[in-house]
Amino acid sequence: MTRPAPAILILAAGASTRMRGADKLLEEVDGTPLILRATRAACAVSDRVIVALPPASPRRAWLGDSPAQIVEVADRTMSASIRAGVAACNSGGLLIHLADMPDIDAMALTRLSTAWQASDAAILRATDADGTPGQPVVFASELFPELLALTGDTGARNIIARHRGATCALPGRAATTDLDTPEAWAEWRAGRG
């Protein structure tokens, strides 16, 4: 028996401080701002998508006609975004996706969602093709109280460490490629040709 597909939470409330004035989530990938690309991919996989955004963010304008639910997060820490997303979630599982990972597309999210449905693990973590742990991570609703208790800007790594979980390999380095600096963006674009 398979369990229902997880909802998807896109963490997009960060301040992009290492971008030196630019907004990494408005950087374009194949002509589309990363925030819109991530949201479209999630909406193609799940009918329950939540996007954590800072209040009055220019990012929101790109999601005007999206069916995703927007939750505003004034505190720019990762834990605040996770808490807000979990509070808005009424599904049996929640796939937490960092919006600054350009190689996580609808195919990768589908692979994770399908693996989650076939698994009975409380946590399912994406890995690179070589097994290196990365993101996104899916959490069962039984762990929501622990997610709601998170503080600071380290995310859910302590929860992941406490609970035995399963893994799901994604192609290449998709699960560990996140772009936080102008140099990382330039290197990633150069690698794409």
Protein backbone atom coordinates (compact mmCIF):
# COMPACT_ATOMS: atom_id res chain seq x y z
CA MET A 1 0.00 0.00 0.00
CA THR A 2 1.31 3.42 -0.89
CA ARG A 3 0.88 6.54 1.18
CA PRO A 4 -0.33 9.86 -0.25
CA ALA A 5 2.07 12.18 -2.02
CA PRO A 6 3.67 14.80 0.23
CA ALA A 7 2.91 18.49 0.11
CA ILE A 8 5.85 20.63 -1.04
CA LEU A 9 7.27 23.57 0.91
CA ILE A 10 9.57 25.91 -1.00
CA LEU A 11 11.88 27.87 1.27
CA ALA A 12 12.23 31.27 -0.43
CA ALA A 13 12.36 33.77 2.42
CA GLY A 14 16.14 34.02 2.78
CA ALA A 15 17.93 37.34 2.40
CA SER A 16 20.47 36.37 -0.34
CA THR A 17 23.14 38.18 1.69
CA ARG A 18 26.06 36.47 -0.06
CA MET A 19 24.85 37.72 -3.46
CA ARG A 20 26.19 41.23 -2.71
CA GLY A 21 23.01 43.12 -3.59
CA ALA A 22 21.49 40.74 -6.15
CA ASP A 23 18.59 38.40 -5.41
CA LYS A 24 19.58 34.82 -6.22
CA LEU A 25 15.94 33.75 -6.54
CA LEU A 26 15.39 36.31 -9.31
CA GLU A 27 18.41 35.02 -11.27
CA GLU A 28 17.21 33.50 -14.51
CA VAL A 29 17.51 29.86 -15.49
CA ASP A 30 16.48 29.18 -19.08
CA GLY A 31 14.84 32.61 -19.16
CA THR A 32 12.78 32.11 -15.99
CA PRO A 33 13.50 33.54 -12.52
CA LEU A 34 14.56 30.74 -10.19
CA ILE A 35 11.67 31.36 -7.75
CA LEU A 36 9.11 30.91 -10.54
CA ARG A 37 10.94 27.89 -11.95
CA ALA A 38 11.00 26.18 -8.54
CA THR A 39 7.32 26.92 -7.93
CA ARG A 40 6.22 25.71 -11.36
CA ALA A 41 8.16 22.47 -10.88
CA ALA A 42 6.53 21.89 -7.50
CA CYS A 43 3.04 22.68 -8.81
CA ALA A 44 3.56 20.19 -11.64
CA VAL A 45 4.12 17.47 -9.04
CA SER A 46 1.78 18.34 -6.16
CA ASP A 47 -1.57 20.04 -5.77
CA ARG A 48 -0.43 21.23 -2.33
CA VAL A 49 2.49 23.67 -2.67
CA ILE A 50 3.45 26.21 -0.01
CA VAL A 51 6.00 28.98 -0.65
CA ALA A 52 7.62 30.79 2.28
CA LEU A 53 8.40 34.39 1.28
CA PRO A 54 9.43 37.52 3.15
CA PRO A 55 6.73 40.23 3.43
CA ALA A 56 6.49 42.69 0.53
CA SER A 57 9.08 40.76 -1.47
CA PRO A 58 9.57 41.40 -5.21
CA ARG A 59 9.70 37.61 -5.49
CA ARG A 60 5.95 37.48 -4.89
CA ALA A 61 5.18 39.33 -8.14
CA TRP A 62 6.50 36.34 -10.09
CA LEU A 63 3.99 34.02 -8.41
CA GLY A 64 0.87 36.07 -9.13
CA ASP A 65 -1.08 33.38 -11.00
CA SER A 66 0.43 30.39 -9.23
CA PRO A 67 -1.88 28.03 -7.31
CA ALA A 68 0.77 27.81 -4.57
CA GLN A 69 -0.13 29.05 -1.09
CA ILE A 70 2.10 31.93 0.01
CA VAL A 71 3.08 32.17 3.67
CA GLU A 72 4.85 35.34 4.75
CA VAL A 73 7.82 34.98 7.07
CA ALA A 74 9.18 38.17 8.64
CA ASP A 75 12.04 36.36 10.39
CA ARG A 76 14.50 35.48 7.60
CA THR A 77 15.90 32.37 9.32
CA MET A 78 15.41 28.93 7.80
CA SER A 79 13.72 27.63 10.93
CA ALA A 80 11.08 30.37 10.76
CA SER A 81 10.26 29.41 7.17
CA ILE A 82 10.06 25.74 8.06
CA ARG A 83 7.79 26.46 11.04
CA ALA A 84 5.48 28.62 8.90
CA GLY A 85 5.29 25.98 6.17
CA VAL A 86 4.64 23.14 8.59
CA ALA A 87 1.92 25.18 10.31
CA ALA A 88 0.22 25.64 6.93
CA CYS A 89 0.51 21.96 5.97
CA ASN A 90 -2.30 19.47 6.48
CA SER A 91 -0.73 16.57 4.57
CA GLY A 92 0.78 13.33 5.86
CA GLY A 93 4.20 14.36 4.58
CA LEU A 94 6.07 17.52 3.64
CA LEU A 95 8.84 17.76 1.06
CA ILE A 96 11.05 20.70 2.00
CA HIS A 97 12.77 22.21 -1.03
CA LEU A 98 15.36 25.00 -0.96
CA ALA A 99 14.49 27.41 -3.77
CA ASP A 100 18.14 28.13 -4.64
CA MET A 101 18.78 24.67 -6.11
CA PRO A 102 18.50 25.11 -9.89
CA ASP A 103 18.93 21.44 -10.79
CA ILE A 104 15.88 20.35 -8.78
CA ASP A 105 13.18 20.21 -11.42
CA ALA A 106 9.77 18.54 -11.72
CA MET A 107 11.42 15.23 -12.63
CA ALA A 108 13.54 15.28 -9.46
CA LEU A 109 10.55 16.23 -7.31
CA THR A 110 8.48 13.46 -8.92
CA ARG A 111 11.22 10.93 -8.19
CA LEU A 112 11.27 11.99 -4.52
CA SER A 113 7.49 12.04 -4.22
CA THR A 114 7.17 8.58 -5.79
CA ALA A 115 9.93 7.15 -3.57
CA TRP A 116 8.21 8.69 -0.53
CA GLN A 117 4.89 7.09 -1.40
CA ALA A 118 6.53 3.65 -1.71
CA SER A 119 8.52 4.05 1.53
CA ASP A 120 7.54 3.76 5.17
CA ALA A 121 10.47 5.86 6.42
CA ALA A 122 9.81 8.94 8.55
CA ILE A 123 12.42 10.85 6.52
CA LEU A 124 13.41 10.53 2.87
CA ARG A 125 16.51 12.49 1.87
CA ALA A 126 17.71 13.20 -1.64
CA THR A 127 21.30 12.33 -2.50
CA ASP A 128 23.52 13.01 -5.48
CA ALA A 129 24.07 10.14 -7.89
CA ASP A 130 27.20 9.18 -5.88
CA GLY A 131 25.24 8.98 -2.60
CA THR A 132 26.28 12.36 -1.13
CA PRO A 133 23.36 13.53 1.08
CA GLY A 134 21.64 16.73 0.04
CA GLN A 135 18.24 18.30 -0.50
CA PRO A 136 15.22 18.15 -0.73
CA VAL A 137 14.10 16.16 2.29
CA VAL A 138 10.63 14.71 2.96
CA PHE A 139 9.32 14.49 6.54
CA ALA A 140 6.38 12.46 7.81
CA SER A 141 3.72 14.38 9.73
CA GLU A 142 4.73 12.54 12.92
CA LEU A 143 7.87 14.72 12.86
CA PHE A 144 5.97 18.00 12.42
CA PRO A 145 6.12 18.78 16.18
CA GLU A 146 9.92 18.59 16.00
CA LEU A 147 9.97 20.81 12.91
CA LEU A 148 7.71 23.33 14.67
CA ALA A 149 10.22 23.49 17.54
CA LEU A 150 13.17 24.45 15.31
CA THR A 151 15.10 27.65 16.02
CA GLY A 152 18.00 29.42 14.34
CA ASP A 153 19.27 29.14 10.80
CA THR A 154 20.52 25.57 10.57
CA GLY A 155 17.39 23.96 9.21
CA ALA A 156 16.38 20.43 10.21
CA ARG A 157 19.80 18.73 10.23
CA ASN A 158 19.49 17.71 13.90
CA ILE A 159 16.11 16.09 13.25
CA ILE A 160 17.56 14.23 10.26
CA ALA A 161 20.46 13.04 12.43
CA ARG A 162 18.11 11.76 15.18
CA HIS A 163 15.87 9.66 12.95
CA ARG A 164 16.71 6.81 10.65
CA GLY A 165 15.63 7.69 7.18
CA ALA A 166 15.75 6.45 3.65
CA THR A 167 17.50 8.04 0.67
CA CYS A 168 16.62 8.68 -2.94
CA ALA A 169 19.37 9.31 -5.50
CA LEU A 170 18.88 12.16 -7.95
CA PRO A 171 20.90 12.58 -11.17
CA GLY A 172 24.38 14.08 -11.08
CA ARG A 173 24.89 16.68 -8.36
CA ALA A 174 21.29 17.94 -8.34
CA ALA A 175 20.86 17.32 -4.60
CA THR A 176 23.90 19.38 -3.55
CA THR A 177 24.05 22.19 -6.12
CA ASP A 178 22.87 25.38 -4.46
CA LEU A 179 23.89 28.79 -5.71
CA ASP A 180 24.51 31.41 -3.03
CA THR A 181 27.13 33.72 -4.59
CA PRO A 182 27.67 35.46 -7.94
CA GLU A 183 30.73 33.24 -8.42
CA ALA A 184 28.69 30.06 -7.86
CA TRP A 185 26.14 31.26 -10.42
CA ALA A 186 28.89 32.03 -12.96
CA GLU A 187 30.53 28.63 -12.45
CA TRP A 188 27.21 26.79 -12.74
CA ARG A 189 26.27 28.67 -15.92
CA ALA A 190 29.71 27.99 -17.42
CA GLY A 191 29.27 24.29 -16.68
CA ARG A 192 25.98 24.25 -18.57
CA GLY A 193 27.69 25.65 -21.70
